[in-house]
Amino acid sequence: MAKKAKKAAKAAKKSVAKKPAAKKAVKKVAKKAAARKPNAAFMRPVTPSATLATVIGDKPVPRTEVTKKLWAYIKKNGLQDAKNRRMINADDKLKPIFGGKGQVSMFDMTKLVGKHLK
């Protein structure tokens, strides 16, 4: 009988010890979700230049939408390099946006596109 009582006591200690750890995990998740707010600068509409407007349209859109529309155009026309996927091949519409370059990296692309936004 003493063995059964000891086992029951150990089981009770284990269940009590696990509950506070679970509460801490929930609090961490709640803090991360509450701390994340969209940046107002990214959400403010910007006006594309005439050359960029041929690709994404001429209406003012947030910077995040500019990037989404540009990637949609790149994927639709198959402009991502087959061997090195980080490189974007420019077609006739993208060449003036990329400063006349035939190929740019996806990281340089955002810098070059930024020059065409007001």
N, C-alpha and C. Protein backbone atom coordinates (compact mmCIF):
# COMPACT_ATOMS: atom_id res chain seq x y z
N MET A 1 0.80 -1.19 0.00
CA MET A 1 0.00 0.00 0.00
C MET A 1 0.85 1.26 0.00
N ALA A 2 1.97 1.23 0.66
CA ALA A 2 2.84 2.40 0.76
C ALA A 2 3.39 2.76 -0.62
N LYS A 3 3.65 1.74 -1.43
CA LYS A 3 4.17 1.99 -2.78
C LYS A 3 3.14 2.73 -3.63
N LYS A 4 1.87 2.35 -3.51
CA LYS A 4 0.81 3.01 -4.27
C LYS A 4 0.65 4.47 -3.86
N ALA A 5 0.79 4.74 -2.60
CA ALA A 5 0.67 6.11 -2.10
C ALA A 5 1.83 6.97 -2.62
N LYS A 6 3.05 6.38 -2.65
CA LYS A 6 4.21 7.12 -3.14
C LYS A 6 4.05 7.43 -4.62
N LYS A 7 3.56 6.47 -5.40
CA LYS A 7 3.35 6.67 -6.83
C LYS A 7 2.31 7.76 -7.08
N ALA A 8 1.25 7.74 -6.30
CA ALA A 8 0.20 8.75 -6.44
C ALA A 8 0.74 10.14 -6.10
N ALA A 9 1.59 10.23 -5.08
CA ALA A 9 2.19 11.51 -4.70
C ALA A 9 3.11 12.02 -5.79
N LYS A 10 3.92 11.14 -6.41
CA LYS A 10 4.81 11.53 -7.50
C LYS A 10 4.01 12.02 -8.71
N ALA A 11 2.94 11.33 -9.03
CA ALA A 11 2.10 11.72 -10.16
C ALA A 11 1.47 13.09 -9.91
N ALA A 12 1.05 13.35 -8.69
CA ALA A 12 0.45 14.64 -8.35
C ALA A 12 1.49 15.76 -8.47
N LYS A 13 2.73 15.51 -8.04
CA LYS A 13 3.80 16.50 -8.15
C LYS A 13 4.11 16.81 -9.61
N LYS A 14 4.15 15.78 -10.44
CA LYS A 14 4.45 15.97 -11.86
C LYS A 14 3.38 16.82 -12.53
N SER A 15 2.12 16.55 -12.26
CA SER A 15 1.05 17.31 -12.90
C SER A 15 1.04 18.76 -12.43
N VAL A 16 1.39 19.00 -11.18
CA VAL A 16 1.45 20.36 -10.66
C VAL A 16 2.63 21.09 -11.28
N ALA A 17 3.75 20.42 -11.48
CA ALA A 17 4.95 21.05 -12.02
C ALA A 17 4.77 21.44 -13.49
N LYS A 18 3.98 20.71 -14.25
CA LYS A 18 3.81 20.98 -15.67
C LYS A 18 2.92 22.19 -15.94
N LYS A 19 1.96 22.44 -15.11
CA LYS A 19 0.99 23.51 -15.35
C LYS A 19 1.64 24.90 -15.42
N PRO A 20 2.53 25.30 -14.50
CA PRO A 20 3.13 26.64 -14.61
C PRO A 20 3.94 26.80 -15.90
N ALA A 21 4.62 25.77 -16.35
CA ALA A 21 5.39 25.86 -17.59
C ALA A 21 4.48 26.14 -18.77
N ALA A 22 3.32 25.52 -18.79
CA ALA A 22 2.38 25.73 -19.88
C ALA A 22 1.85 27.16 -19.86
N LYS A 23 1.61 27.72 -18.69
CA LYS A 23 1.14 29.09 -18.58
C LYS A 23 2.18 30.07 -19.09
N LYS A 24 3.47 29.82 -18.82
CA LYS A 24 4.54 30.69 -19.28
C LYS A 24 4.59 30.71 -20.80
N ALA A 25 4.43 29.54 -21.42
CA ALA A 25 4.47 29.46 -22.88
C ALA A 25 3.33 30.25 -23.50
N VAL A 26 2.17 30.18 -22.91
CA VAL A 26 1.02 30.94 -23.42
C VAL A 26 1.26 32.44 -23.28
N LYS A 27 1.85 32.87 -22.18
CA LYS A 27 2.14 34.29 -21.98
C LYS A 27 3.14 34.79 -23.01
N LYS A 28 4.17 34.00 -23.34
CA LYS A 28 5.16 34.41 -24.32
C LYS A 28 4.52 34.59 -25.69
N VAL A 29 3.65 33.69 -26.07
CA VAL A 29 2.97 33.79 -27.36
C VAL A 29 2.09 35.03 -27.40
N ALA A 30 1.39 35.30 -26.31
CA ALA A 30 0.51 36.47 -26.24
C ALA A 30 1.32 37.76 -26.33
N LYS A 31 2.50 37.81 -25.70
CA LYS A 31 3.34 39.00 -25.75
C LYS A 31 3.83 39.25 -27.18
N LYS A 32 4.26 38.19 -27.87
CA LYS A 32 4.75 38.34 -29.23
C LYS A 32 3.64 38.84 -30.16
N ALA A 33 2.45 38.33 -30.02
CA ALA A 33 1.34 38.73 -30.87
C ALA A 33 0.95 40.19 -30.59
N ALA A 34 1.00 40.60 -29.36
CA ALA A 34 0.63 41.96 -29.00
C ALA A 34 1.71 42.95 -29.42
N ALA A 35 2.97 42.54 -29.44
CA ALA A 35 4.07 43.45 -29.76
C ALA A 35 4.15 43.74 -31.26
N ARG A 36 3.60 42.92 -32.11
CA ARG A 36 3.72 43.06 -33.56
C ARG A 36 2.65 44.01 -34.08
N LYS A 37 3.08 45.17 -34.60
CA LYS A 37 2.16 46.13 -35.20
C LYS A 37 2.69 46.50 -36.57
N PRO A 38 1.84 46.69 -37.57
CA PRO A 38 2.33 47.08 -38.89
C PRO A 38 2.93 48.48 -38.86
N ASN A 39 3.98 48.66 -39.63
CA ASN A 39 4.65 49.95 -39.70
C ASN A 39 3.84 50.88 -40.61
N ALA A 40 3.50 52.03 -40.12
CA ALA A 40 2.66 52.96 -40.89
C ALA A 40 3.36 53.45 -42.15
N ALA A 41 4.69 53.50 -42.13
CA ALA A 41 5.43 53.97 -43.31
C ALA A 41 5.27 53.00 -44.48
N PHE A 42 5.17 51.72 -44.20
CA PHE A 42 4.97 50.73 -45.27
C PHE A 42 3.55 50.75 -45.81
N MET A 43 2.62 51.17 -44.99
CA MET A 43 1.22 51.14 -45.39
C MET A 43 0.77 52.43 -46.09
N ARG A 44 1.58 53.47 -46.05
CA ARG A 44 1.24 54.74 -46.69
C ARG A 44 1.32 54.58 -48.21
N PRO A 45 0.32 54.99 -48.95
CA PRO A 45 0.36 54.85 -50.42
C PRO A 45 1.46 55.71 -51.05
N VAL A 46 2.16 55.13 -52.02
CA VAL A 46 3.18 55.84 -52.78
C VAL A 46 2.79 55.82 -54.25
N THR A 47 3.22 56.84 -54.98
CA THR A 47 2.87 56.96 -56.39
C THR A 47 4.03 56.44 -57.24
N PRO A 48 3.78 55.46 -58.12
CA PRO A 48 4.85 54.96 -58.98
C PRO A 48 5.15 55.93 -60.12
N SER A 49 6.40 55.88 -60.61
CA SER A 49 6.78 56.70 -61.76
C SER A 49 6.10 56.13 -63.01
N ALA A 50 6.22 56.84 -64.12
CA ALA A 50 5.58 56.40 -65.36
C ALA A 50 6.14 55.06 -65.84
N THR A 51 7.45 54.85 -65.68
CA THR A 51 8.06 53.59 -66.13
C THR A 51 7.61 52.42 -65.26
N LEU A 52 7.52 52.65 -63.96
CA LEU A 52 7.06 51.59 -63.05
C LEU A 52 5.57 51.35 -63.22
N ALA A 53 4.82 52.38 -63.58
CA ALA A 53 3.38 52.25 -63.77
C ALA A 53 3.03 51.31 -64.91
N THR A 54 3.93 51.12 -65.89
CA THR A 54 3.66 50.18 -66.97
C THR A 54 3.63 48.75 -66.46
N VAL A 55 4.27 48.49 -65.33
CA VAL A 55 4.31 47.14 -64.77
C VAL A 55 3.25 46.93 -63.70
N ILE A 56 3.11 47.88 -62.77
CA ILE A 56 2.21 47.66 -61.62
C ILE A 56 0.94 48.49 -61.65
N GLY A 57 0.81 49.41 -62.57
CA GLY A 57 -0.36 50.29 -62.61
C GLY A 57 -0.02 51.66 -62.08
N ASP A 58 -0.87 52.64 -62.36
CA ASP A 58 -0.54 54.03 -62.01
C ASP A 58 -1.22 54.53 -60.74
N LYS A 59 -2.01 53.71 -60.07
CA LYS A 59 -2.68 54.15 -58.84
C LYS A 59 -1.72 54.09 -57.66
N PRO A 60 -1.83 55.02 -56.70
CA PRO A 60 -0.99 54.97 -55.50
C PRO A 60 -1.31 53.73 -54.67
N VAL A 61 -0.27 52.98 -54.32
CA VAL A 61 -0.42 51.76 -53.52
C VAL A 61 0.68 51.73 -52.46
N PRO A 62 0.49 51.00 -51.35
CA PRO A 62 1.55 50.88 -50.34
C PRO A 62 2.77 50.14 -50.89
N ARG A 63 3.91 50.35 -50.27
CA ARG A 63 5.16 49.71 -50.71
C ARG A 63 5.05 48.19 -50.73
N THR A 64 4.33 47.64 -49.77
CA THR A 64 4.18 46.19 -49.73
C THR A 64 3.46 45.68 -50.97
N GLU A 65 2.46 46.42 -51.43
CA GLU A 65 1.72 46.03 -52.64
C GLU A 65 2.57 46.19 -53.89
N VAL A 66 3.45 47.19 -53.90
CA VAL A 66 4.35 47.38 -55.05
C VAL A 66 5.21 46.13 -55.22
N THR A 67 5.76 45.65 -54.12
CA THR A 67 6.61 44.46 -54.17
C THR A 67 5.80 43.24 -54.60
N LYS A 68 4.60 43.09 -54.08
CA LYS A 68 3.76 41.94 -54.45
C LYS A 68 3.42 41.96 -55.94
N LYS A 69 3.06 43.13 -56.45
CA LYS A 69 2.71 43.23 -57.86
C LYS A 69 3.92 43.00 -58.76
N LEU A 70 5.07 43.47 -58.33
CA LEU A 70 6.29 43.27 -59.10
C LEU A 70 6.65 41.79 -59.17
N TRP A 71 6.54 41.10 -58.04
CA TRP A 71 6.82 39.66 -58.03
C TRP A 71 5.79 38.89 -58.85
N ALA A 72 4.55 39.32 -58.82
CA ALA A 72 3.52 38.66 -59.64
C ALA A 72 3.87 38.79 -61.11
N TYR A 73 4.34 39.99 -61.52
CA TYR A 73 4.74 40.22 -62.91
C TYR A 73 5.94 39.34 -63.27
N ILE A 74 6.93 39.25 -62.37
CA ILE A 74 8.13 38.45 -62.62
C ILE A 74 7.77 36.98 -62.79
N LYS A 75 6.93 36.47 -61.90
CA LYS A 75 6.56 35.05 -61.97
C LYS A 75 5.67 34.76 -63.18
N LYS A 76 4.77 35.69 -63.51
CA LYS A 76 3.87 35.50 -64.65
C LYS A 76 4.67 35.39 -65.95
N ASN A 77 5.72 36.22 -66.07
CA ASN A 77 6.51 36.24 -67.30
C ASN A 77 7.76 35.36 -67.23
N GLY A 78 7.96 34.63 -66.15
CA GLY A 78 9.09 33.71 -66.03
C GLY A 78 10.44 34.41 -66.08
N LEU A 79 10.58 35.52 -65.36
CA LEU A 79 11.80 36.31 -65.42
C LEU A 79 12.83 35.95 -64.35
N GLN A 80 12.50 35.04 -63.46
CA GLN A 80 13.45 34.61 -62.46
C GLN A 80 14.43 33.64 -63.11
N ASP A 81 15.73 33.84 -62.88
CA ASP A 81 16.76 33.02 -63.51
C ASP A 81 16.61 31.56 -63.08
N ALA A 82 16.75 30.63 -64.03
CA ALA A 82 16.53 29.21 -63.74
C ALA A 82 17.64 28.63 -62.86
N LYS A 83 18.89 29.01 -63.11
CA LYS A 83 20.01 28.44 -62.35
C LYS A 83 20.19 29.15 -61.01
N ASN A 84 20.24 30.46 -61.02
CA ASN A 84 20.41 31.24 -59.81
C ASN A 84 19.11 31.99 -59.53
N ARG A 85 18.27 31.44 -58.67
CA ARG A 85 16.91 31.95 -58.45
C ARG A 85 16.90 33.33 -57.79
N ARG A 86 18.05 33.79 -57.27
CA ARG A 86 18.12 35.11 -56.66
C ARG A 86 18.21 36.22 -57.71
N MET A 87 18.48 35.85 -58.94
CA MET A 87 18.65 36.85 -60.00
C MET A 87 17.36 36.99 -60.81
N ILE A 88 17.07 38.24 -61.19
CA ILE A 88 15.88 38.55 -61.98
C ILE A 88 16.35 39.03 -63.35
N ASN A 89 15.87 38.41 -64.41
CA ASN A 89 16.20 38.82 -65.77
C ASN A 89 15.21 39.91 -66.19
N ALA A 90 15.73 41.00 -66.72
CA ALA A 90 14.88 42.13 -67.10
C ALA A 90 14.34 41.95 -68.51
N ASP A 91 13.06 42.25 -68.70
CA ASP A 91 12.49 42.29 -70.04
C ASP A 91 12.43 43.77 -70.46
N ASP A 92 11.74 44.06 -71.55
CA ASP A 92 11.70 45.44 -72.06
C ASP A 92 11.07 46.42 -71.07
N LYS A 93 10.09 45.98 -70.29
CA LYS A 93 9.43 46.87 -69.33
C LYS A 93 10.28 47.09 -68.08
N LEU A 94 11.02 46.05 -67.66
CA LEU A 94 11.78 46.15 -66.42
C LEU A 94 13.16 46.79 -66.60
N LYS A 95 13.70 46.76 -67.81
CA LYS A 95 15.05 47.29 -68.03
C LYS A 95 15.18 48.76 -67.61
N PRO A 96 14.24 49.66 -67.98
CA PRO A 96 14.38 51.05 -67.51
C PRO A 96 14.27 51.19 -66.00
N ILE A 97 13.51 50.33 -65.37
CA ILE A 97 13.36 50.37 -63.91
C ILE A 97 14.66 49.92 -63.25
N PHE A 98 15.33 48.93 -63.84
CA PHE A 98 16.58 48.39 -63.29
C PHE A 98 17.80 49.21 -63.71
N GLY A 99 17.60 50.38 -64.26
CA GLY A 99 18.71 51.23 -64.64
C GLY A 99 19.45 50.74 -65.87
N GLY A 100 18.77 50.04 -66.77
CA GLY A 100 19.38 49.56 -68.00
C GLY A 100 20.09 48.23 -67.85
N LYS A 101 20.11 47.66 -66.67
CA LYS A 101 20.78 46.37 -66.44
C LYS A 101 19.91 45.24 -66.97
N GLY A 102 20.54 44.22 -67.48
CA GLY A 102 19.82 43.06 -68.00
C GLY A 102 19.44 42.07 -66.92
N GLN A 103 20.19 42.09 -65.81
CA GLN A 103 19.93 41.15 -64.73
C GLN A 103 20.34 41.80 -63.41
N VAL A 104 19.47 41.69 -62.40
CA VAL A 104 19.77 42.21 -61.06
C VAL A 104 19.38 41.17 -60.02
N SER A 105 19.97 41.28 -58.83
CA SER A 105 19.57 40.36 -57.76
C SER A 105 18.27 40.85 -57.16
N MET A 106 17.55 39.96 -56.52
CA MET A 106 16.26 40.34 -55.93
C MET A 106 16.43 41.37 -54.82
N PHE A 107 17.60 41.42 -54.19
CA PHE A 107 17.84 42.38 -53.13
C PHE A 107 18.12 43.76 -53.71
N ASP A 108 18.84 43.81 -54.83
CA ASP A 108 19.07 45.09 -55.50
C ASP A 108 17.80 45.61 -56.16
N MET A 109 16.92 44.71 -56.52
CA MET A 109 15.69 45.09 -57.20
C MET A 109 14.87 46.07 -56.35
N THR A 110 14.73 45.80 -55.07
CA THR A 110 13.93 46.67 -54.20
C THR A 110 14.56 48.05 -54.08
N LYS A 111 15.90 48.09 -54.06
CA LYS A 111 16.59 49.38 -53.99
C LYS A 111 16.35 50.18 -55.27
N LEU A 112 16.42 49.51 -56.42
CA LEU A 112 16.21 50.19 -57.70
C LEU A 112 14.77 50.65 -57.89
N VAL A 113 13.83 49.84 -57.42
CA VAL A 113 12.40 50.18 -57.54
C VAL A 113 12.07 51.37 -56.63
N GLY A 114 12.73 51.47 -55.48
CA GLY A 114 12.50 52.57 -54.55
C GLY A 114 12.74 53.93 -55.18
N LYS A 115 13.63 53.99 -56.16
CA LYS A 115 13.92 55.25 -56.86
C LYS A 115 12.75 55.69 -57.74
N HIS A 116 11.84 54.76 -58.06
CA HIS A 116 10.70 55.07 -58.92
C HIS A 116 9.41 55.31 -58.13
N LEU A 117 9.54 55.50 -56.82
CA LEU A 117 8.37 55.74 -55.97
C LEU A 117 8.45 57.13 -55.35
N LYS A 118 7.29 57.80 -55.26
CA LYS A 118 7.23 59.13 -54.63
C LYS A 118 6.37 59.06 -53.39
